Structures are given as structure tokens and as C-alpha cells.
Amino acid sequence: MPTALLVLFLLVVLFVVVMLAKTVRIVPQARAAVVERFGKYKQTLPAGLNIVVPFIDKVRYLIDLREQVVSFPPQPVITEDNLVVSIDTVIYFQVTDPVAATYEIANYIQAVEQLTMTTLRNIVGGMDLEQTLTSREEINNGLRGVLDEATGKWGIRVNRVEIKGIDPPPSIKDAMEKQMRADRDKRALILSAEGQRQSAILTAEGNKQSQILNAEGDRESQILRAQAEREAAILRAQGEGQAIQTVFQAIHDGQPDQSLLAYQYLQMMPKIAEGDANKVWVIPSEITKALEGLGSSIHEVAGIPRDATPRKRVDMGPTEPQMPRGSDDPEAQATSEAVQQAIAAAESAANPGRTARSVDPAATATDVGASAGTAGSSGAAGTGDPSTPEAPAGS
């Protein structure tokens, strides 16, 4: 008896536990439970603790209300230029109405996938390959708009549609790589040509500036050189003028006579005869006139005063060599006598027919005048000019 009661008690406890399990339903956060009563929709249980009628109400579906991410496998799509490309897509969606997602469509995941593929084929079919590869944002916006409109009645909201990758055929990839490489080579050549052009332009501008600066430097150098030459010429002319003025003033201060002029003419005659090509040379008439004036005191040159004594005389020292006197050295005396004999021999050779004598300035001037007069007479006779008077030889 006690055993039967124990078994009955255990059965009652088990029944109570089962009844509690069937009555109490706990729904997790961000979930929604769809309850059916005798196969018909009864209610939607929110998250938390819920009570249902056991054995009558049944939780049919547990819907996830969080945003879900579904990645679909690559699908072949034909572009407008008849090229097949593989496109991977990712969809971000969220269930907003658990009842519609449960009863409006059997499998909303598969429905979204198929709708995505068909919409993608429609969009990409109107684009060529180049546009397809460069219009990802446009394709994403088109897919999102179509999917959101179509899945609204299913209780689903499509938040984002992203394209993971667009893979053209291998042959197209190779052609695209070649095209890209050619385009990059072209741009590299263009940049190189532009760089060379800029370099040539800068080089030409530098050469231009250099030539301009060189020309300016040459101009300034020539100007400065011309100014220096002009100043040098001016200074040279001034110096020559001052020298001529000084000589002219010295000549007038010294009051030279005709004998000095004749002596100057005689000094210039050897210079006139210089040169190997001078076979014949003519004596100017002025020299004969000067020699005539040198031999005769009657003829005078106009402008030369009679008194030829210079105003300022320069002491040139004794005309004869001064020998040391009072020396008792016999060798010095012998040397002095030898020098006197050499001087006498030189005077004898210079003036043949005359005896050697001591050099006297007055006597020397007289002799030179006499010689000049004689030479002037000879020169005048040689020229054959009858108007030239002959000076007496003994003057």
C-alpha cells in the first residue's frame, strides 16, 4: 500500500512538472515566439517569461529579430557586351514582422537570395564590363531599393547590399592587365616627356639669362674700358701738352741761338739716314739755312734774339777730365799722361791739320760754327739754289 501511494505521488509530481513546462515559456532577448492554437496563429510572445495554455497553445516558430548578414555564393552574370562575370554579394537584413516572415513566405532567406540574383542580373545586364567594374555604388543602391520594396510585405527590411567581388574571365583579366600596363606606360612616357620639356624650357631660360647677363657684362666692360681709354687719352694728351708747354717755355727761357738749332739738325741727320733701304736721301733746305746761320753771324732767324745767353744756365761741370793732383805715385802720373795723350790723339783725328790743345768751351763753339758754316755752304752749293748765299769759309 505505501508503495502504491508513493508511485501515485511520483506520477502527480511528474504531471505537475510537465504541466508547468508546457505552461511557462521563456523567450530570449531579441527573439519573438509565434504561438499557434490548434494550428492557427494565436499570438506572438515577446522576450521574457510567458504563460500559455498547455497542450492547446504551441510555440510554432522562434524568430530572430537581430540584423542578419547573409553571404551568397558567386553567381554568373552576363554584361551588356556579352561577357560573363562572377559576382559575390552580401546582404544585411532584419525581420521587423515575425508573423509576416512566418506566414507570408516559406523561407525568406532563400527568397532574398533568389531575388538578389535576379535583380543583380537585371542591373548588370544593362552595363558593359568597364561600367560594371567602376559602378559598384550604383549597383548596391539599385539592389537595395529593389530588395527593400519586394521584401517589405514579408516583414523584412534590407539595410545594405554590398558586392564582395566582380571576377571577369581569365582572358579578360589578361587583356585588362595588358591595357592597364599600356596605359601606365603611356602615362609614364607622357610624364617623362613633360619632364624633359620642362627641363629643356628651364635650360633654355637659364641659357637666355646667362647670355643676357654675359651681354650686359660685356657692355659694361666695354663701357668701362672705353671710359678708361678716354680718360687715359685725355691724361696722355694733357701730359703731352704740359710736356710741350714745359719744353717750349724752357726753350724761350733759355733763348737758344741759331748754332744750337743747327746742332740739333746735325744730330737728326744720322737718324734720317738709318735703314738698309735708304740709298739716297735729301737734305732739307732748312738744314742748309741753319748751317748758313751757324757760319755767319750776319744772317739771323726771325724770332731768335741776338743775345743767345740763356737766362738760366745749368752747371754741367768741367769739360775736361779732372785728374788728381798732388799725387806722388809714378804709376798714377804715367796713367794721367797716357790719358792726356789719348785725348790729344782723338782731337787730332777729329780735326786733322790742327795741333792738340786744351778743350775750351768758347773755342769749341767757334770751331763748330765754322764747320757748320762750311758744311752749309757746301750743302747750298750742292742743292743748286742760287738764292742761297754762300758763307765765307773762314768765318
Protein backbone atom coordinates (compact mmCIF):
# COMPACT_ATOMS: atom_id res chain seq x y z
CA MET A 1 0.00 0.00 0.00
CA PRO A 2 2.61 2.54 0.85
CA THR A 3 4.42 1.65 -2.39
CA ALA A 4 1.31 2.32 -4.46
CA LEU A 5 0.87 5.67 -2.76
CA LEU A 6 4.48 6.57 -3.44
CA VAL A 7 4.16 5.71 -7.10
CA LEU A 8 0.98 7.75 -7.33
CA PHE A 9 2.65 10.68 -5.65
CA LEU A 10 5.53 10.49 -8.11
CA LEU A 11 3.16 10.44 -11.04
CA VAL A 12 1.32 13.51 -9.70
CA VAL A 13 4.60 15.38 -9.29
CA LEU A 14 5.69 14.44 -12.80
CA PHE A 15 2.38 15.63 -14.20
CA VAL A 16 2.72 18.92 -12.41
CA VAL A 17 6.24 19.39 -13.76
CA VAL A 18 5.13 18.64 -17.31
CA MET A 19 2.17 20.99 -16.94
CA LEU A 20 4.46 23.74 -15.71
CA ALA A 21 6.87 23.11 -18.57
CA LYS A 22 4.06 23.35 -21.07
CA THR A 23 2.58 26.44 -19.46
CA VAL A 24 5.66 28.61 -18.87
CA ARG A 25 7.64 29.80 -21.93
CA ILE A 26 10.83 31.85 -21.66
CA VAL A 27 11.72 33.81 -24.83
CA PRO A 28 15.33 35.11 -25.12
CA GLN A 29 16.16 38.75 -25.79
CA ALA A 30 15.83 39.90 -29.44
CA ARG A 31 13.64 36.89 -30.17
CA ALA A 32 9.94 36.55 -30.90
CA ALA A 33 7.87 33.35 -30.49
CA VAL A 34 4.88 32.68 -32.72
CA VAL A 35 2.13 30.77 -30.84
CA GLU A 36 -0.49 28.66 -32.60
CA ARG A 37 -3.67 27.22 -31.12
CA PHE A 38 -4.96 24.18 -32.94
CA GLY A 39 -2.74 25.09 -35.95
CA LYS A 40 -3.88 28.69 -36.16
CA TYR A 41 -1.92 31.80 -35.25
CA LYS A 42 -2.74 32.80 -31.70
CA GLN A 43 -0.21 35.39 -30.58
CA THR A 44 3.43 36.49 -30.62
CA LEU A 45 5.32 36.06 -27.40
CA PRO A 46 7.80 38.84 -26.56
CA ALA A 47 11.13 38.30 -24.85
CA GLY A 48 10.86 37.18 -21.22
CA LEU A 49 8.54 34.86 -19.20
CA ASN A 50 5.27 33.97 -20.91
CA ILE A 51 2.32 31.71 -19.93
CA VAL A 52 0.47 29.59 -22.47
CA VAL A 53 -2.23 27.01 -22.26
CA PRO A 54 -0.58 23.60 -22.12
CA PHE A 55 -1.46 21.08 -24.76
CA ILE A 56 -3.57 23.70 -26.57
CA ASP A 57 -1.16 26.55 -27.41
CA LYS A 58 2.02 25.63 -29.19
CA VAL A 59 5.10 27.78 -29.94
CA ARG A 60 5.49 27.23 -33.66
CA TYR A 61 8.47 29.44 -34.62
CA LEU A 62 11.16 31.34 -32.77
CA ILE A 63 12.14 34.33 -34.95
CA ASP A 64 15.49 36.15 -34.56
CA LEU A 65 14.87 39.90 -34.63
CA ARG A 66 18.55 40.90 -34.87
CA GLU A 67 20.16 42.17 -38.10
CA GLN A 68 21.45 39.23 -40.06
CA VAL A 69 24.25 39.00 -42.60
CA VAL A 70 23.95 36.51 -45.42
CA SER A 71 26.70 35.93 -47.98
CA PHE A 72 25.61 34.34 -51.23
CA PRO A 73 27.95 32.26 -53.40
CA PRO A 74 29.29 33.76 -56.68
CA GLN A 75 26.73 33.92 -59.41
CA PRO A 76 27.47 34.21 -63.16
CA VAL A 77 26.10 37.40 -64.67
CA ILE A 78 26.19 38.43 -68.34
CA THR A 79 27.03 42.07 -69.08
CA GLU A 80 25.74 44.16 -71.95
CA ASP A 81 28.83 43.40 -74.06
CA ASN A 82 28.20 39.62 -73.63
CA LEU A 83 30.89 38.94 -71.08
CA VAL A 84 30.27 36.57 -68.17
CA VAL A 85 31.39 37.81 -64.77
CA SER A 86 31.06 36.22 -61.33
CA ILE A 87 29.63 38.49 -58.63
CA ASP A 88 29.63 37.83 -54.86
CA THR A 89 27.07 39.69 -52.78
CA VAL A 90 26.45 40.26 -49.08
CA ILE A 91 23.02 41.29 -47.73
CA TYR A 92 22.28 42.88 -44.35
CA PHE A 93 18.62 42.47 -43.41
CA GLN A 94 16.40 42.42 -40.31
CA VAL A 95 12.99 40.84 -39.53
CA THR A 96 10.54 43.52 -38.47
CA ASP A 97 7.31 41.47 -38.53
CA PRO A 98 7.68 37.88 -37.22
CA VAL A 99 4.15 36.93 -38.27
CA ALA A 100 4.64 38.05 -41.89
CA ALA A 101 8.09 36.45 -42.03
CA THR A 102 6.48 33.22 -40.82
CA TYR A 103 3.29 33.05 -42.80
CA GLU A 104 3.89 35.27 -45.89
CA ILE A 105 6.80 33.26 -47.24
CA ALA A 106 8.04 29.78 -46.57
CA ASN A 107 11.84 30.55 -46.49
CA TYR A 108 12.69 34.21 -46.52
CA ILE A 109 16.47 33.55 -46.66
CA GLN A 110 16.20 31.63 -49.91
CA ALA A 111 13.70 34.15 -51.22
CA VAL A 112 16.10 37.05 -50.55
CA GLU A 113 18.94 35.16 -52.23
CA GLN A 114 16.98 34.46 -55.40
CA LEU A 115 15.61 37.96 -55.52
CA THR A 116 19.12 39.34 -55.17
CA MET A 117 20.43 37.26 -58.05
CA THR A 118 17.64 38.18 -60.42
CA THR A 119 17.83 41.85 -59.56
CA LEU A 120 21.61 41.80 -59.98
CA ARG A 121 21.29 40.22 -63.43
CA ASN A 122 18.80 42.89 -64.45
CA ILE A 123 21.05 45.73 -63.28
CA VAL A 124 24.36 44.37 -64.60
CA GLY A 125 22.76 43.29 -67.89
CA GLY A 126 22.35 46.95 -68.80
CA MET A 127 26.03 47.78 -68.22
CA ASP A 128 29.21 46.92 -70.07
CA LEU A 129 32.23 45.42 -68.33
CA GLU A 130 34.03 48.70 -67.79
CA GLN A 131 30.94 50.30 -66.29
CA THR A 132 30.25 47.23 -64.15
CA LEU A 133 33.71 47.32 -62.66
CA THR A 134 33.51 51.02 -61.87
CA SER A 135 29.85 51.30 -60.75
CA ARG A 136 29.75 49.33 -57.52
CA GLU A 137 27.93 52.05 -55.61
CA GLU A 138 25.29 52.33 -58.30
CA ILE A 139 24.73 48.55 -58.29
CA ASN A 140 24.49 48.50 -54.47
CA ASN A 141 21.89 51.26 -54.40
CA GLY A 142 19.83 49.58 -57.13
CA LEU A 143 19.84 46.24 -55.35
CA ARG A 144 18.92 47.78 -52.01
CA GLY A 145 15.98 49.68 -53.47
CA VAL A 146 14.50 46.66 -55.28
CA LEU A 147 15.02 44.25 -52.37
CA ASP A 148 13.61 46.62 -49.77
CA GLU A 149 10.49 47.16 -51.83
CA ALA A 150 9.99 43.45 -52.55
CA THR A 151 10.68 42.16 -49.02
CA GLY A 152 8.55 44.75 -47.24
CA LYS A 153 5.46 42.53 -47.35
CA TRP A 154 7.48 39.66 -45.92
CA GLY A 155 8.21 41.61 -42.76
CA ILE A 156 11.88 42.03 -43.72
CA ARG A 157 13.88 45.27 -44.06
CA VAL A 158 17.03 45.17 -46.21
CA ASN A 159 19.54 47.58 -44.70
CA ARG A 160 22.57 47.19 -47.00
CA VAL A 161 23.63 45.26 -50.07
CA GLU A 162 27.34 45.00 -50.78
CA ILE A 163 29.21 43.42 -53.68
CA LYS A 164 32.19 41.47 -52.43
CA GLY A 165 33.84 40.92 -55.76
CA ILE A 166 33.42 41.01 -59.53
CA ASP A 167 35.57 38.45 -61.30
CA PRO A 168 35.79 38.66 -65.12
CA PRO A 169 37.04 35.66 -67.19
CA PRO A 170 40.80 34.93 -67.19
CA SER A 171 41.22 36.10 -70.79
CA ILE A 172 39.54 39.37 -69.93
CA LYS A 173 41.78 39.72 -66.90
CA ASP A 174 44.86 39.26 -69.06
CA ALA A 175 43.60 41.81 -71.58
CA MET A 176 42.78 44.23 -68.80
CA GLU A 177 46.24 43.82 -67.29
CA LYS A 178 47.83 44.49 -70.69
CA GLN A 179 45.60 47.51 -71.17
CA MET A 180 46.44 48.77 -67.71
CA ARG A 181 50.13 48.20 -68.31
CA ALA A 182 49.96 50.03 -71.65
CA ASP A 183 48.05 52.88 -70.06
CA ARG A 184 50.60 53.15 -67.28
CA ASP A 185 53.45 53.05 -69.80
CA LYS A 186 51.74 55.78 -71.78
CA ARG A 187 51.32 57.93 -68.72
CA ALA A 188 54.93 57.28 -67.75
CA LEU A 189 56.10 58.36 -71.22
CA ILE A 190 53.88 61.42 -71.06
CA LEU A 191 55.26 62.36 -67.66
CA SER A 192 58.80 61.74 -68.88
CA ALA A 193 58.19 63.88 -71.97
CA GLU A 194 56.69 66.63 -69.84
CA GLY A 195 59.68 66.43 -67.52
CA GLN A 196 62.08 66.68 -70.46
CA ARG A 197 60.11 69.60 -71.87
CA GLN A 198 60.18 71.41 -68.56
CA SER A 199 63.89 70.65 -68.27
CA ALA A 200 64.53 71.97 -71.80
CA ILE A 201 62.47 75.09 -71.07
CA LEU A 202 64.31 75.74 -67.83
CA THR A 203 67.65 75.09 -69.53
CA ALA A 204 66.76 77.49 -72.36
CA GLU A 205 65.64 80.11 -69.86
CA GLY A 206 68.86 79.63 -67.93
CA ASN A 207 70.93 79.98 -71.12
CA LYS A 208 68.92 83.05 -72.07
CA GLN A 209 69.51 84.64 -68.69
CA SER A 210 73.18 83.67 -68.85
CA GLN A 211 73.58 85.22 -72.32
CA ILE A 212 71.74 88.35 -71.21
CA LEU A 213 73.98 88.66 -68.15
CA ASN A 214 77.09 87.99 -70.26
CA ALA A 215 75.99 90.62 -72.79
CA GLU A 216 75.32 93.11 -70.01
CA GLY A 217 78.69 92.30 -68.50
CA ASP A 218 80.43 92.74 -71.89
CA ARG A 219 78.61 96.01 -72.46
CA GLU A 220 79.57 97.35 -69.05
CA SER A 221 83.13 96.09 -69.57
CA GLN A 222 83.37 97.83 -72.95
CA ILE A 223 81.86 100.99 -71.50
CA LEU A 224 84.31 100.97 -68.62
CA ARG A 225 87.19 100.12 -70.99
CA ALA A 226 86.16 102.96 -73.32
CA GLN A 227 85.88 105.34 -70.39
CA ALA A 228 89.31 104.23 -69.16
CA GLU A 229 90.82 104.67 -72.65
CA ARG A 230 89.17 108.08 -72.96
CA GLU A 231 90.48 109.17 -69.58
CA ALA A 232 93.90 107.72 -70.42
CA ALA A 233 93.91 109.57 -73.76
CA ILE A 234 92.83 112.77 -72.03
CA LEU A 235 95.54 112.36 -69.40
CA ARG A 236 98.11 111.44 -72.09
CA ALA A 237 97.16 114.49 -74.15
CA GLN A 238 97.28 116.65 -71.05
CA GLY A 239 100.70 115.22 -70.21
CA GLU A 240 101.97 115.77 -73.74
CA GLY A 241 100.55 119.27 -73.70
CA GLN A 242 102.20 120.00 -70.41
CA ALA A 243 105.48 118.48 -71.70
CA ILE A 244 105.34 120.56 -74.88
CA GLN A 245 104.47 123.64 -72.87
CA THR A 246 107.34 122.92 -70.50
CA VAL A 247 109.81 122.38 -73.37
CA PHE A 248 108.52 125.45 -75.19
CA GLN A 249 108.81 127.51 -72.03
CA ALA A 250 112.30 126.11 -71.38
CA ILE A 251 113.35 126.98 -74.94
CA HIS A 252 112.09 130.54 -74.58
CA ASP A 253 113.61 130.86 -71.15
CA GLY A 254 116.95 129.61 -72.49
CA GLN A 255 116.85 131.88 -75.60
CA PRO A 256 118.67 129.44 -77.96
CA ASP A 257 120.64 130.82 -80.88
CA GLN A 258 120.94 129.52 -84.43
CA SER A 259 124.01 127.48 -83.60
CA LEU A 260 122.05 125.30 -81.20
CA LEU A 261 119.33 124.72 -83.82
CA ALA A 262 121.95 123.76 -86.38
CA TYR A 263 123.47 121.36 -83.87
CA GLN A 264 120.06 119.74 -83.32
CA TYR A 265 119.66 119.35 -87.10
CA LEU A 266 123.04 117.66 -87.30
CA GLN A 267 122.01 115.20 -84.59
CA MET A 268 118.85 114.29 -86.55
CA MET A 269 120.68 113.61 -89.81
CA PRO A 270 122.02 110.13 -88.80
CA LYS A 271 118.51 109.05 -87.84
CA ILE A 272 117.22 110.13 -91.26
CA ALA A 273 119.91 108.01 -92.95
CA GLU A 274 119.09 104.88 -90.91
CA GLY A 275 117.75 101.81 -92.68
CA ASP A 276 119.06 99.37 -95.28
CA ALA A 277 116.69 100.63 -97.99
CA ASN A 278 117.81 104.26 -97.76
CA LYS A 279 120.20 104.52 -100.74
CA VAL A 280 119.59 108.21 -101.47
CA TRP A 281 118.36 110.82 -99.05
CA VAL A 282 117.75 114.52 -99.48
CA ILE A 283 118.95 117.17 -97.09
CA PRO A 284 116.13 119.58 -96.22
CA SER A 285 116.66 123.20 -97.12
CA GLU A 286 116.08 124.14 -93.50
CA ILE A 287 119.30 122.36 -92.53
CA THR A 288 121.32 124.37 -95.08
CA LYS A 289 119.78 127.55 -93.81
CA ALA A 290 120.63 126.57 -90.29
CA LEU A 291 124.19 125.76 -91.29
CA GLU A 292 124.42 129.09 -93.06
CA GLY A 293 123.30 130.83 -89.90
CA LEU A 294 125.80 128.75 -87.94
CA GLY A 295 128.69 130.01 -90.11
CA SER A 296 127.63 133.63 -90.40
CA SER A 297 126.70 135.98 -87.62
CA ILE A 298 125.11 138.40 -90.08
CA HIS A 299 122.17 136.21 -91.07
CA GLU A 300 119.62 135.87 -88.34
CA VAL A 301 116.49 133.80 -87.99
CA ALA A 302 113.39 135.78 -87.26
CA GLY A 303 112.20 135.46 -83.71
CA ILE A 304 115.63 134.48 -82.22
CA PRO A 305 117.22 137.28 -80.20
CA ARG A 306 120.73 138.40 -80.86
CA ASP A 307 121.76 137.84 -77.28
CA ALA A 308 121.87 133.99 -77.00
CA THR A 309 122.95 133.94 -73.42
CA PRO A 310 120.45 131.73 -71.55
CA ARG A 311 118.68 133.16 -68.61
CA LYS A 312 119.28 130.08 -66.55
CA ARG A 313 122.43 128.07 -67.02
CA VAL A 314 122.99 124.66 -65.67
CA ASP A 315 126.43 123.82 -64.37
CA MET A 316 127.42 120.74 -66.35
CA GLY A 317 130.84 120.55 -64.69
CA PRO A 318 134.25 120.85 -66.34
CA THR A 319 134.55 119.76 -69.94
CA GLU A 320 137.96 118.20 -69.41
CA PRO A 321 138.55 115.22 -67.19
CA GLN A 322 139.91 116.25 -63.84
CA MET A 323 142.98 114.35 -62.88
CA PRO A 324 144.02 114.07 -59.27
CA ARG A 325 146.77 116.49 -58.40
CA GLY A 326 149.49 116.34 -55.82
CA SER A 327 149.94 112.61 -56.21
CA ASP A 328 153.48 111.40 -55.98
CA ASP A 329 152.64 107.94 -57.27
CA PRO A 330 154.67 107.39 -60.51
CA GLU A 331 152.11 104.87 -61.81
CA ALA A 332 149.28 107.42 -61.41
CA GLN A 333 151.33 110.07 -63.21
CA ALA A 334 152.09 107.67 -66.02
CA THR A 335 148.39 106.84 -66.33
CA SER A 336 147.46 110.56 -66.41
CA GLU A 337 149.99 111.22 -69.16
CA ALA A 338 148.66 108.29 -71.14
CA VAL A 339 145.11 109.65 -70.85
CA GLN A 340 146.27 113.13 -71.99
CA GLN A 341 147.98 111.61 -75.00
CA ALA A 342 144.86 109.59 -75.87
CA ILE A 343 142.69 112.71 -75.70
CA ALA A 344 145.14 114.63 -77.88
CA ALA A 345 145.21 111.80 -80.42
CA ALA A 346 141.40 111.76 -80.54
CA GLU A 347 141.25 115.53 -81.14
CA SER A 348 143.89 115.26 -83.87
CA ALA A 349 141.90 112.55 -85.58
CA ALA A 350 138.70 114.60 -85.31
CA ASN A 351 140.33 117.84 -86.54
CA PRO A 352 143.17 116.99 -88.93
CA GLY A 353 145.66 119.77 -89.60
CA ARG A 354 145.32 121.21 -86.13
CA THR A 355 147.53 120.79 -83.17
CA ALA A 356 146.17 119.33 -79.98
CA ARG A 357 145.23 121.81 -77.39
CA SER A 358 143.21 122.06 -74.30
CA VAL A 359 139.44 121.99 -74.73
CA ASP A 360 137.96 125.46 -74.35
CA PRO A 361 134.15 125.88 -74.48
CA ALA A 362 134.36 129.18 -76.41
CA ALA A 363 136.91 127.86 -78.85
CA THR A 364 134.91 124.70 -79.32
CA ALA A 365 131.77 126.67 -80.17
CA THR A 366 133.74 128.80 -82.68
CA ASP A 367 135.15 125.72 -84.36
CA VAL A 368 131.75 124.06 -84.50
CA GLY A 369 130.21 127.22 -86.03
CA ALA A 370 132.96 127.41 -88.60
CA SER A 371 132.50 123.77 -89.52
CA ALA A 372 128.74 124.21 -89.73
CA GLY A 373 129.13 127.26 -91.94
CA THR A 374 131.43 125.38 -94.27
CA ALA A 375 129.01 122.44 -94.41
CA GLY A 376 126.09 124.83 -95.03
CA SER A 377 127.92 126.43 -97.94
CA SER A 378 128.70 123.04 -99.39
CA GLY A 379 125.06 121.91 -98.91
CA ALA A 380 123.75 125.07 -100.54
CA ALA A 381 126.05 124.63 -103.46
CA GLY A 382 125.00 121.02 -103.80
CA THR A 383 121.34 121.91 -103.93
CA GLY A 384 121.89 124.34 -106.77
CA ASP A 385 119.69 127.02 -105.24
CA PRO A 386 121.00 130.43 -106.48
CA SER A 387 119.03 132.30 -103.86
CA THR A 388 121.05 130.78 -101.05
CA PRO A 389 124.07 132.95 -100.20
CA GLU A 390 127.41 131.31 -99.72
CA ALA A 391 129.07 131.80 -96.35
CA PRO A 392 132.78 132.52 -96.37
CA ALA A 393 134.83 129.55 -95.34
CA GLY A 394 136.98 131.48 -92.95
CA SER A 395 134.14 132.91 -90.91
